[in-house]
Amino acid sequence: MYVLTLLRTNFVFSRVKLTLKLCHLNLQNLIKKTPTYIPRTKHNLSRHKISQAALNVLYQLHKSGYQAFLVGGGVRDVLLGRTPKDFDIVTNALPEQIKNSFNSCRLIGRRFVLAHVRFNREIIEVATFRATHVDGKGEGRIENGQIIRDNVYGSTVDNDAGRRDFTINAIYYNISDFSLIDYANGIEDLKARIIKLIGDPVLRYKEDPVRMLRAIRFAAKLEFTIAPETAKPIPKLAGLLANIPPARLFEEVLKLFLSGHAVKSFKLLCQYGLFQQLFPKTAACLENPISLKLIEQVMFDTDERIKNDKPVTPAFLLAALLWPPLLCQLPDKPVKGVNLQEKLIEISQRLLARNAQQRVAIPRRITVPMQEIWLLQLRLTRQNKVKKKNLKLLEHSQFRAGYDFLLLRSKAGENQVTKYADWWTDLLADRNVVAPVKRFRRRKKIK
C-alpha cells in the first residue's frame, strides 16, 4: 500500500513538473528574444501623465541602484489616452530591499509578495520581477496546474515579461531613458483593440482561473475584442473558478460591475458561461424574462450612476443579483399562519449563508444592508392608513435604497409592485411632506 501511494505521488509530481516545463518553454517562445524598444520621441507616454507618487518611487529605486519600470494598466491606459486609476511598478529589488528603500512601506500578500509604498493618500504597488521556474522552486501549485504561491523572483525584466497575463499588459516604461519596451507585440494589439493571452491559453487559465474574468473585464472596459484563441477555452474551463477563494471572487465581482461597464461585463460573462459559476442560483432564474430584465436594468442603472458621478453601493447591486432566487421561494400570496417577514429573513439567511454561496463570499458589512433592502420591500408594499406611520418609514437608514429597489422591480416588469412604486413616488413629490426628524432622548446626568 505504501509503495502504491509513493508511486502515485511520484507520478503526479512528474506530471506537474512536465506541465511546468511545457509552460516555461511556451512562454519563452511567445516572449521576444529581442523586444521592441520605442524611444521617448516615438510614443505619447509623458511623465506629466504619471502620478508624482509613482515617479518618486521610480526615481528612488533607480537612485538606489535598482532597475525600475512602470508596467501594466497604467502604461496601457496612458497609451490609449485614458486616465489610469493606479500605477504598478516592477523592479529587480527584492521585497525587503524595496521596504528598506522607503520610510512608509509595508509588504503584503502570500500568493504574491508585494510592497505598498505610501505617499500621502496614494499607495503605489511595487513588485519584484517574476520568473517561471521549471523546477517549481518557490512556487506552489495544486494538481490541476493552478498556482497557489508564486514567489519565484527573476533577475531581469525579460523574466518578468513572461509572467504577464495579457500582451497589452507586457509593455514597460523605463524611467532611466523614458523608453517603452514591448515584449509581446502589445503595442500592435492595442492598435488592433485585441485582448490576447501570453502563452498557451489553457495552461495560463489553469495557472490562475481569474484570468478568465480579467479577460472579460478588460474587453468590457476597453471595448476590445477577445482574440479567438484566448476566448475559445473559457467555456470549458469556467468551472475552475470553483478553486478560487470566494473572498477573491467577491473583489473581482466588484471590479466587473462597479467600474462603469457592468452591462457589457454581464453580457460577456453569460456568453462565456462564467456568470453561472459566480452566481449559480441567479443564473438558474434567468430564463424568467422578469428576472433577466431586473439584472440587466440594475447593470444599466449602475453604469449610468457612475457615468454621472453618482455613488453606487455593492449592497444594492448584490441585493438585485440575488433577488430572483429569493423571490422564487417567497409565497406569491399571503398564506394563513405564515409570517412573510420571518419567511423572508429565513430565506435570505439561507441564501447568504457561507455554505450556500461558495463561489462569492459576501462580507457581513454588505449582507446586513442587503437584507434591510429586501425587508423594506414588504413594508413599502403595505401602505398604512395612518399617514404618520408611512412618514415614519422615511427615517429608515436604508429607505432610499429600498425605494430605489422598488422602482427597479417595477421597471423590470413586476407589475404587482408598480402601484406601490407610484404611490411612494407621489408621496415623495408632495412638497408638503417633510420627513420626520429623529428625536433623541437627552441622557440623564449621573449624580
Protein backbone atom coordinates (compact mmCIF):
# COMPACT_ATOMS: atom_id res chain seq x y z
CA MET A 1 0.00 0.00 0.00
CA TYR A 2 2.82 2.37 0.92
CA VAL A 3 4.63 1.56 -2.37
CA LEU A 4 1.48 2.28 -4.42
CA THR A 5 0.99 5.61 -2.64
CA LEU A 6 4.63 6.52 -3.27
CA LEU A 7 4.37 5.61 -6.96
CA ARG A 8 1.17 7.61 -7.32
CA THR A 9 2.79 10.64 -5.66
CA ASN A 10 5.84 10.41 -7.93
CA PHE A 11 3.59 10.16 -10.99
CA VAL A 12 1.62 13.27 -10.01
CA PHE A 13 4.83 15.19 -9.26
CA SER A 14 6.31 14.18 -12.64
CA ARG A 15 3.16 15.26 -14.46
CA VAL A 16 3.12 18.66 -12.74
CA LYS A 17 6.86 19.09 -13.42
CA LEU A 18 6.31 18.28 -17.11
CA THR A 19 3.46 20.81 -17.25
CA LEU A 20 5.76 23.42 -15.70
CA LYS A 21 8.45 22.76 -18.31
CA LEU A 22 5.97 22.95 -21.18
CA CYS A 23 4.54 26.19 -19.79
CA HIS A 24 8.04 27.62 -19.37
CA LEU A 25 9.02 26.74 -22.95
CA ASN A 26 5.72 28.07 -24.26
CA LEU A 27 6.18 31.42 -22.53
CA GLN A 28 9.77 31.74 -23.68
CA ASN A 29 8.68 31.17 -27.27
CA LEU A 30 5.96 33.81 -27.00
CA ILE A 31 8.24 36.46 -25.48
CA LYS A 32 10.54 38.12 -27.98
CA LYS A 33 14.22 37.40 -27.53
CA THR A 34 14.80 40.90 -28.89
CA PRO A 35 11.94 43.10 -27.66
CA THR A 36 10.81 46.24 -29.44
CA TYR A 37 12.36 49.39 -27.96
CA ILE A 38 10.42 52.60 -28.54
CA PRO A 39 12.34 55.81 -27.72
CA ARG A 40 10.66 58.73 -25.97
CA THR A 41 10.29 60.64 -29.22
CA LYS A 42 8.17 57.83 -30.71
CA HIS A 43 5.48 57.40 -28.02
CA ASN A 44 2.97 59.55 -26.12
CA LEU A 45 3.66 58.40 -22.55
CA SER A 46 4.82 61.59 -20.87
CA ARG A 47 5.87 61.92 -17.23
CA HIS A 48 3.16 64.57 -16.91
CA LYS A 49 0.62 61.74 -17.26
CA ILE A 50 2.19 59.71 -14.43
CA SER A 51 1.34 60.46 -10.79
CA GLN A 52 4.05 62.21 -8.80
CA ALA A 53 3.98 59.41 -6.22
CA ALA A 54 4.75 56.79 -8.90
CA LEU A 55 7.56 58.96 -10.27
CA ASN A 56 9.01 59.33 -6.76
CA VAL A 57 9.10 55.54 -6.35
CA LEU A 58 10.70 55.03 -9.77
CA TYR A 59 13.35 57.70 -9.12
CA GLN A 60 14.14 56.40 -5.62
CA LEU A 61 14.61 52.81 -6.81
CA HIS A 62 16.75 53.99 -9.73
CA LYS A 63 18.80 56.18 -7.38
CA SER A 64 19.33 53.17 -5.07
CA GLY A 65 20.89 51.21 -7.95
CA TYR A 66 17.90 49.08 -8.91
CA GLN A 67 16.09 48.70 -12.21
CA ALA A 68 12.58 50.17 -12.10
CA PHE A 69 9.80 50.04 -14.68
CA LEU A 70 6.20 51.19 -14.89
CA VAL A 71 4.08 48.34 -16.26
CA GLY A 72 0.54 47.06 -16.67
CA GLY A 73 -2.68 49.06 -16.70
CA GLY A 74 -1.01 52.40 -16.02
CA VAL A 75 1.09 52.17 -19.19
CA ARG A 76 -1.76 50.66 -21.21
CA ASP A 77 -4.30 53.32 -20.26
CA VAL A 78 -1.98 56.27 -20.93
CA LEU A 79 -1.16 54.87 -24.38
CA LEU A 80 -4.91 54.60 -25.05
CA GLY A 81 -5.46 58.20 -23.98
CA ARG A 82 -7.22 57.18 -20.77
CA THR A 83 -6.61 58.34 -17.20
CA PRO A 84 -5.11 55.46 -15.16
CA LYS A 85 -6.65 54.62 -11.80
CA ASP A 86 -3.34 53.39 -10.42
CA PHE A 87 0.26 52.73 -11.34
CA ASP A 88 2.18 49.47 -10.85
CA ILE A 89 5.96 49.26 -10.69
CA VAL A 90 8.33 46.30 -11.08
CA THR A 91 11.96 46.14 -10.05
CA ASN A 92 14.85 43.73 -9.56
CA ALA A 93 14.96 44.74 -5.88
CA LEU A 94 13.70 42.02 -3.52
CA PRO A 95 10.73 42.80 -1.25
CA GLU A 96 12.90 43.50 1.81
CA GLN A 97 15.18 45.72 -0.29
CA ILE A 98 12.16 47.67 -1.50
CA LYS A 99 10.96 48.08 2.07
CA ASN A 100 14.36 49.36 3.18
CA SER A 101 14.35 51.97 0.40
CA PHE A 102 11.26 53.80 1.67
CA ASN A 103 10.11 55.19 5.01
CA SER A 104 6.46 54.29 4.54
CA CYS A 105 6.30 50.81 3.03
CA ARG A 106 4.73 47.51 4.03
CA LEU A 107 4.83 44.05 2.49
CA ILE A 108 1.56 42.25 1.79
CA GLY A 109 0.35 39.04 0.18
CA ARG A 110 1.10 35.35 0.40
CA ARG A 111 0.41 34.22 -3.16
CA PHE A 112 2.34 37.24 -4.45
CA VAL A 113 4.54 39.22 -2.06
CA LEU A 114 4.07 42.90 -2.91
CA ALA A 115 5.31 46.16 -1.46
CA HIS A 116 2.88 49.01 -0.87
CA VAL A 117 4.65 52.37 -0.77
CA ARG A 118 2.56 55.23 0.62
CA PHE A 119 2.90 58.86 -0.41
CA ASN A 120 0.29 60.92 1.44
CA ARG A 121 -3.01 59.23 0.49
CA GLU A 122 -1.69 57.46 -2.60
CA ILE A 123 -0.39 53.89 -2.49
CA ILE A 124 1.98 52.67 -5.19
CA GLU A 125 2.26 48.90 -5.65
CA VAL A 126 5.79 47.62 -6.25
CA ALA A 127 6.61 44.02 -7.19
CA THR A 128 9.86 42.16 -7.69
CA PHE A 129 10.43 40.72 -11.17
CA ARG A 130 8.73 37.32 -11.53
CA ALA A 131 10.13 34.32 -13.34
CA THR A 132 8.95 30.88 -14.45
CA HIS A 133 10.97 28.20 -12.67
CA VAL A 134 10.88 24.81 -14.34
CA ASP A 135 11.54 23.02 -11.05
CA GLY A 136 8.79 24.93 -9.28
CA LYS A 137 11.12 26.19 -6.56
CA GLY A 138 9.42 28.98 -4.64
CA GLU A 139 6.23 28.18 -6.48
CA GLY A 140 3.20 26.31 -5.15
CA ARG A 141 0.73 24.52 -7.41
CA ILE A 142 -2.14 22.13 -6.94
CA GLU A 143 -2.53 19.10 -9.20
CA ASN A 144 -4.61 20.84 -11.88
CA GLY A 145 -1.79 23.35 -12.52
CA GLN A 146 -3.19 26.29 -10.54
CA ILE A 147 -0.57 28.48 -8.88
CA ILE A 148 -1.31 29.00 -5.18
CA ARG A 149 2.03 30.58 -4.29
CA ASP A 150 4.18 32.49 -6.75
CA ASN A 151 7.38 33.85 -5.24
CA VAL A 152 9.83 32.85 -7.96
CA TYR A 153 11.86 36.00 -8.43
CA GLY A 154 13.51 36.95 -11.71
CA SER A 155 16.68 38.94 -12.18
CA THR A 156 15.71 40.74 -15.38
CA VAL A 157 12.70 42.41 -16.93
CA ASP A 158 12.82 39.69 -19.62
CA ASN A 159 11.93 37.10 -16.94
CA ASP A 160 9.06 39.25 -15.70
CA ALA A 161 7.54 39.74 -19.16
CA GLY A 162 6.90 36.01 -19.47
CA ARG A 163 4.73 36.04 -16.35
CA ARG A 164 2.43 38.83 -17.52
CA ASP A 165 -1.08 37.70 -18.41
CA PHE A 166 -2.05 39.71 -21.49
CA THR A 167 0.10 41.16 -24.25
CA ILE A 168 -1.25 44.67 -23.66
CA ASN A 169 -0.05 44.44 -20.05
CA ALA A 170 3.53 43.50 -21.01
CA ILE A 171 4.64 46.97 -22.10
CA TYR A 172 7.29 48.51 -19.82
CA TYR A 173 8.15 52.18 -19.29
CA ASN A 174 11.85 52.58 -18.44
CA ILE A 175 12.49 55.51 -16.10
CA SER A 176 16.21 55.56 -16.95
CA ASP A 177 15.69 56.74 -20.55
CA PHE A 178 11.86 57.16 -20.75
CA SER A 179 11.60 54.48 -23.46
CA LEU A 180 8.98 51.74 -23.86
CA ILE A 181 9.91 48.06 -24.06
CA ASP A 182 7.37 45.79 -25.77
CA TYR A 183 7.92 42.04 -25.28
CA ALA A 184 4.76 40.52 -26.76
CA ASN A 185 3.52 42.78 -29.56
CA GLY A 186 1.36 44.58 -27.02
CA ILE A 187 1.53 47.86 -28.95
CA GLU A 188 0.15 46.16 -32.06
CA ASP A 189 -2.64 44.52 -30.05
CA LEU A 190 -3.53 47.91 -28.54
CA LYS A 191 -3.86 49.31 -32.05
CA ALA A 192 -5.92 46.29 -33.15
CA ARG A 193 -8.00 46.53 -29.92
CA ILE A 194 -7.47 42.85 -29.07
CA ILE A 195 -7.25 41.05 -25.71
CA LYS A 196 -4.70 38.27 -26.12
CA LEU A 197 -3.10 35.99 -23.53
CA ILE A 198 0.65 35.44 -23.46
CA GLY A 199 1.34 31.73 -23.85
CA ASP A 200 -0.97 28.72 -24.14
CA PRO A 201 -4.43 29.93 -23.00
CA VAL A 202 -5.35 26.59 -21.41
CA LEU A 203 -2.18 26.48 -19.31
CA ARG A 204 -2.44 30.15 -18.37
CA TYR A 205 -6.09 29.79 -17.30
CA LYS A 206 -5.24 26.71 -15.26
CA GLU A 207 -2.43 28.64 -13.55
CA ASP A 208 -4.92 31.30 -12.48
CA PRO A 209 -8.60 30.87 -13.46
CA VAL A 210 -9.30 34.51 -12.52
CA ARG A 211 -7.59 35.41 -15.81
CA MET A 212 -10.87 34.43 -17.50
CA LEU A 213 -12.66 37.14 -15.52
CA ARG A 214 -9.86 39.61 -16.24
CA ALA A 215 -10.21 38.94 -19.98
CA ILE A 216 -13.92 39.76 -19.71
CA ARG A 217 -13.26 42.88 -17.62
CA PHE A 218 -10.64 44.29 -19.98
CA ALA A 219 -12.79 43.54 -23.04
CA ALA A 220 -15.74 45.36 -21.45
CA LYS A 221 -13.73 48.24 -20.02
CA LEU A 222 -11.61 48.95 -23.10
CA GLU A 223 -14.28 47.92 -25.64
CA PHE A 224 -11.80 45.43 -27.10
CA THR A 225 -12.39 42.03 -28.71
CA ILE A 226 -11.08 38.87 -27.06
CA ALA A 227 -8.80 37.04 -29.51
CA PRO A 228 -10.37 33.73 -30.71
CA GLU A 229 -7.56 31.57 -29.28
CA THR A 230 -7.90 33.38 -25.93
CA ALA A 231 -11.70 33.10 -25.86
CA LYS A 232 -12.14 29.51 -27.07
CA PRO A 233 -11.11 27.60 -23.87
CA ILE A 234 -13.13 29.78 -21.46
CA PRO A 235 -16.50 27.92 -21.54
CA LYS A 236 -14.80 24.54 -20.94
CA LEU A 237 -12.57 25.87 -18.15
CA ALA A 238 -15.17 28.09 -16.44
CA GLY A 239 -15.63 25.50 -13.69
CA LEU A 240 -12.07 26.14 -12.48
CA LEU A 241 -13.40 29.25 -10.72
CA ALA A 242 -14.63 26.85 -8.04
CA ASN A 243 -10.99 26.55 -6.92
CA ILE A 244 -10.63 30.30 -6.31
CA PRO A 245 -11.10 31.64 -2.74
CA PRO A 246 -14.62 33.13 -2.50
CA ALA A 247 -13.24 36.35 -0.99
CA ARG A 248 -11.08 36.91 -4.08
CA LEU A 249 -14.07 36.32 -6.36
CA PHE A 250 -16.02 38.94 -4.39
CA GLU A 251 -13.34 41.52 -5.20
CA GLU A 252 -13.42 40.51 -8.87
CA VAL A 253 -17.22 40.87 -8.96
CA LEU A 254 -16.93 44.44 -7.66
CA LYS A 255 -14.35 45.24 -10.36
CA LEU A 256 -16.59 43.76 -13.06
CA PHE A 257 -19.80 45.53 -12.06
CA LEU A 258 -18.79 48.75 -10.28
CA SER A 259 -16.36 50.22 -12.79
CA GLY A 260 -18.79 51.72 -15.29
CA HIS A 261 -19.08 48.80 -17.72
CA ALA A 262 -21.47 46.44 -15.92
CA VAL A 263 -23.84 45.93 -18.88
CA LYS A 264 -21.08 44.73 -21.19
CA SER A 265 -19.44 42.65 -18.43
CA PHE A 266 -22.71 40.86 -17.62
CA LYS A 267 -23.33 40.10 -21.30
CA LEU A 268 -19.84 38.64 -21.78
CA LEU A 269 -19.98 36.65 -18.53
CA CYS A 270 -23.21 35.00 -19.69
CA GLN A 271 -21.84 34.45 -23.20
CA TYR A 272 -18.82 32.51 -21.91
CA GLY A 273 -20.59 30.59 -19.13
CA LEU A 274 -18.88 32.46 -16.29
CA PHE A 275 -21.88 34.16 -14.68
CA GLN A 276 -23.37 30.81 -13.67
CA GLN A 277 -20.08 29.98 -11.93
CA LEU A 278 -20.25 33.17 -9.87
CA PHE A 279 -24.00 33.22 -9.11
CA PRO A 280 -25.40 29.75 -9.90
CA LYS A 281 -28.75 30.30 -8.14
CA THR A 282 -29.36 33.56 -10.00
CA ALA A 283 -28.27 32.06 -13.33
CA ALA A 284 -30.89 29.33 -12.88
CA CYS A 285 -33.59 32.05 -12.73
CA LEU A 286 -32.54 33.96 -15.86
CA GLU A 287 -34.91 32.03 -18.12
CA ASN A 288 -37.62 34.10 -16.46
CA PRO A 289 -37.75 37.32 -18.55
CA ILE A 290 -38.59 39.45 -15.50
CA SER A 291 -35.54 38.17 -13.60
CA LEU A 292 -33.30 38.76 -16.62
CA LYS A 293 -34.74 42.26 -17.10
CA LEU A 294 -34.12 43.10 -13.44
CA ILE A 295 -30.43 42.12 -13.67
CA GLU A 296 -29.98 43.97 -16.97
CA GLN A 297 -31.72 47.03 -15.54
CA VAL A 298 -29.58 47.19 -12.39
CA MET A 299 -26.46 46.89 -14.55
CA PHE A 300 -27.65 49.74 -16.78
CA ASP A 301 -28.62 51.93 -13.82
CA THR A 302 -25.26 51.27 -12.14
CA ASP A 303 -23.36 52.32 -15.27
CA GLU A 304 -25.49 55.47 -15.57
CA ARG A 305 -24.84 56.48 -11.96
CA ILE A 306 -21.10 56.05 -12.40
CA LYS A 307 -21.24 57.99 -15.66
CA ASN A 308 -22.99 60.86 -13.84
CA ASP A 309 -20.58 60.74 -10.86
CA LYS A 310 -23.28 59.44 -8.51
CA PRO A 311 -22.43 57.00 -5.71
CA VAL A 312 -23.01 53.27 -6.14
CA THR A 313 -23.14 50.68 -3.39
CA PRO A 314 -22.23 46.98 -3.58
CA ALA A 315 -25.16 46.16 -1.28
CA PHE A 316 -27.76 47.46 -3.74
CA LEU A 317 -26.19 45.69 -6.72
CA LEU A 318 -25.82 42.38 -4.88
CA ALA A 319 -29.34 42.66 -3.46
CA ALA A 320 -30.56 42.82 -7.06
CA LEU A 321 -28.31 39.95 -8.18
CA LEU A 322 -29.70 37.64 -5.51
CA TRP A 323 -33.30 38.88 -5.59
CA PRO A 324 -34.55 36.39 -8.25
CA PRO A 325 -33.63 33.23 -6.26
CA LEU A 326 -35.03 34.83 -3.11
CA LEU A 327 -38.29 35.91 -4.74
CA CYS A 328 -38.99 32.49 -6.26
CA GLN A 329 -39.00 31.00 -2.73
CA LEU A 330 -41.43 33.56 -1.29
CA PRO A 331 -45.20 32.84 -1.42
CA ASP A 332 -46.98 34.76 -4.21
CA LYS A 333 -49.94 35.49 -1.94
CA PRO A 334 -50.36 35.74 1.85
CA VAL A 335 -50.59 32.30 3.41
CA LYS A 336 -52.51 31.76 6.61
CA GLY A 337 -50.16 31.15 9.51
CA VAL A 338 -47.06 32.26 7.56
CA ASN A 339 -45.32 35.45 8.65
CA LEU A 340 -43.88 36.89 5.43
CA GLN A 341 -41.21 38.89 7.23
CA GLU A 342 -39.97 35.87 9.15
CA LYS A 343 -40.10 33.80 5.96
CA LEU A 344 -38.05 36.39 4.05
CA ILE A 345 -35.45 36.53 6.81
CA GLU A 346 -35.21 32.73 6.85
CA ILE A 347 -34.78 32.50 3.06
CA SER A 348 -32.28 35.37 2.91
CA GLN A 349 -30.16 33.90 5.68
CA ARG A 350 -30.13 30.56 3.91
CA LEU A 351 -29.26 32.24 0.61
CA LEU A 352 -26.44 34.30 2.11
CA ALA A 353 -25.01 31.54 4.29
CA ARG A 354 -21.35 30.84 3.51
CA ASN A 355 -22.03 27.20 2.62
CA ALA A 356 -24.85 28.24 0.23
CA GLN A 357 -22.90 30.76 -1.82
CA GLN A 358 -19.49 29.13 -2.01
CA ARG A 359 -18.40 30.94 -5.17
CA VAL A 360 -18.64 34.56 -3.95
CA ALA A 361 -18.15 35.35 -0.27
CA ILE A 362 -20.18 38.47 0.54
CA PRO A 363 -18.92 40.05 3.79
CA ARG A 364 -21.29 40.89 6.63
CA ARG A 365 -20.89 44.65 6.10
CA ILE A 366 -22.65 44.06 2.76
CA THR A 367 -25.17 41.34 3.67
CA VAL A 368 -26.73 43.38 6.51
CA PRO A 369 -27.87 46.29 4.28
CA MET A 370 -28.85 43.77 1.59
CA GLN A 371 -31.30 42.13 3.99
CA GLU A 372 -32.61 45.54 5.07
CA ILE A 373 -33.33 46.44 1.43
CA TRP A 374 -35.18 43.14 0.96
CA LEU A 375 -37.21 43.55 4.17
CA LEU A 376 -38.20 47.07 3.15
CA GLN A 377 -39.91 45.59 0.09
CA LEU A 378 -42.56 44.15 2.40
CA ARG A 379 -43.09 47.43 4.25
CA LEU A 380 -43.12 49.55 1.09
CA THR A 381 -45.84 47.37 -0.44
CA ARG A 382 -48.03 47.61 2.66
CA GLN A 383 -49.17 51.22 3.00
CA ASN A 384 -50.57 52.19 6.35
CA LYS A 385 -53.80 54.13 6.59
CA VAL A 386 -52.19 56.30 9.25
CA LYS A 387 -50.09 58.83 7.32
CA LYS A 388 -47.65 59.37 10.19
CA LYS A 389 -46.62 55.72 10.10
CA ASN A 390 -45.84 56.00 6.40
CA LEU A 391 -43.75 59.08 7.09
CA LYS A 392 -42.00 57.23 9.90
CA LEU A 393 -40.64 54.79 7.34
CA LEU A 394 -38.75 57.68 5.72
CA GLU A 395 -36.45 57.67 8.76
CA HIS A 396 -35.15 54.20 7.95
CA SER A 397 -31.43 54.29 7.15
CA GLN A 398 -31.99 52.19 4.01
CA PHE A 399 -35.24 53.85 2.90
CA ARG A 400 -33.81 55.44 -0.23
CA ALA A 401 -32.12 52.19 -1.28
CA GLY A 402 -35.33 50.26 -0.56
CA TYR A 403 -37.42 52.75 -2.56
CA ASP A 404 -34.98 52.67 -5.50
CA PHE A 405 -35.11 48.87 -5.37
CA LEU A 406 -38.91 49.01 -5.55
CA LEU A 407 -38.63 51.22 -8.65
CA LEU A 408 -36.14 48.75 -10.13
CA ARG A 409 -38.59 45.88 -9.64
CA SER A 410 -41.34 47.91 -11.30
CA LYS A 411 -39.12 48.71 -14.30
CA ALA A 412 -38.26 45.01 -14.63
CA GLY A 413 -41.91 44.07 -15.02
CA GLU A 414 -43.02 43.07 -11.52
CA ASN A 415 -46.39 44.67 -12.23
CA GLN A 416 -47.79 43.86 -8.79
CA VAL A 417 -45.47 46.44 -7.20
CA THR A 418 -45.95 49.24 -9.76
CA LYS A 419 -48.88 50.85 -7.93
CA TYR A 420 -46.85 50.94 -4.72
CA ALA A 421 -43.84 52.43 -6.51
CA ASP A 422 -46.10 55.14 -7.99
CA TRP A 423 -47.71 55.80 -4.59
CA TRP A 424 -44.36 56.37 -2.88
CA THR A 425 -43.15 58.48 -5.80
CA ASP A 426 -46.21 60.74 -5.46
CA LEU A 427 -45.73 60.91 -1.70
CA LEU A 428 -42.10 61.99 -2.03
CA ALA A 429 -43.02 64.52 -4.72
CA ASP A 430 -45.57 66.18 -2.43
CA ARG A 431 -44.00 69.44 -1.31
CA ASN A 432 -45.99 69.39 1.91
CA VAL A 433 -44.33 66.16 3.01
CA VAL A 434 -41.34 66.64 5.26
CA ALA A 435 -39.55 63.63 6.63
CA PRO A 436 -39.81 63.49 10.42
CA VAL A 437 -36.66 64.41 12.30
CA LYS A 438 -35.39 61.77 14.68
CA ARG A 439 -35.62 62.85 18.26
CA PHE A 440 -33.08 61.64 20.72
CA ARG A 441 -33.67 61.49 24.43
CA ARG A 442 -31.29 63.55 26.48
CA ARG A 443 -29.13 61.36 28.67
CA LYS A 444 -29.72 61.67 32.36
CA LYS A 445 -26.88 63.13 34.29
CA ILE A 446 -25.23 60.72 36.66
CA LYS A 447 -25.19 62.19 40.12
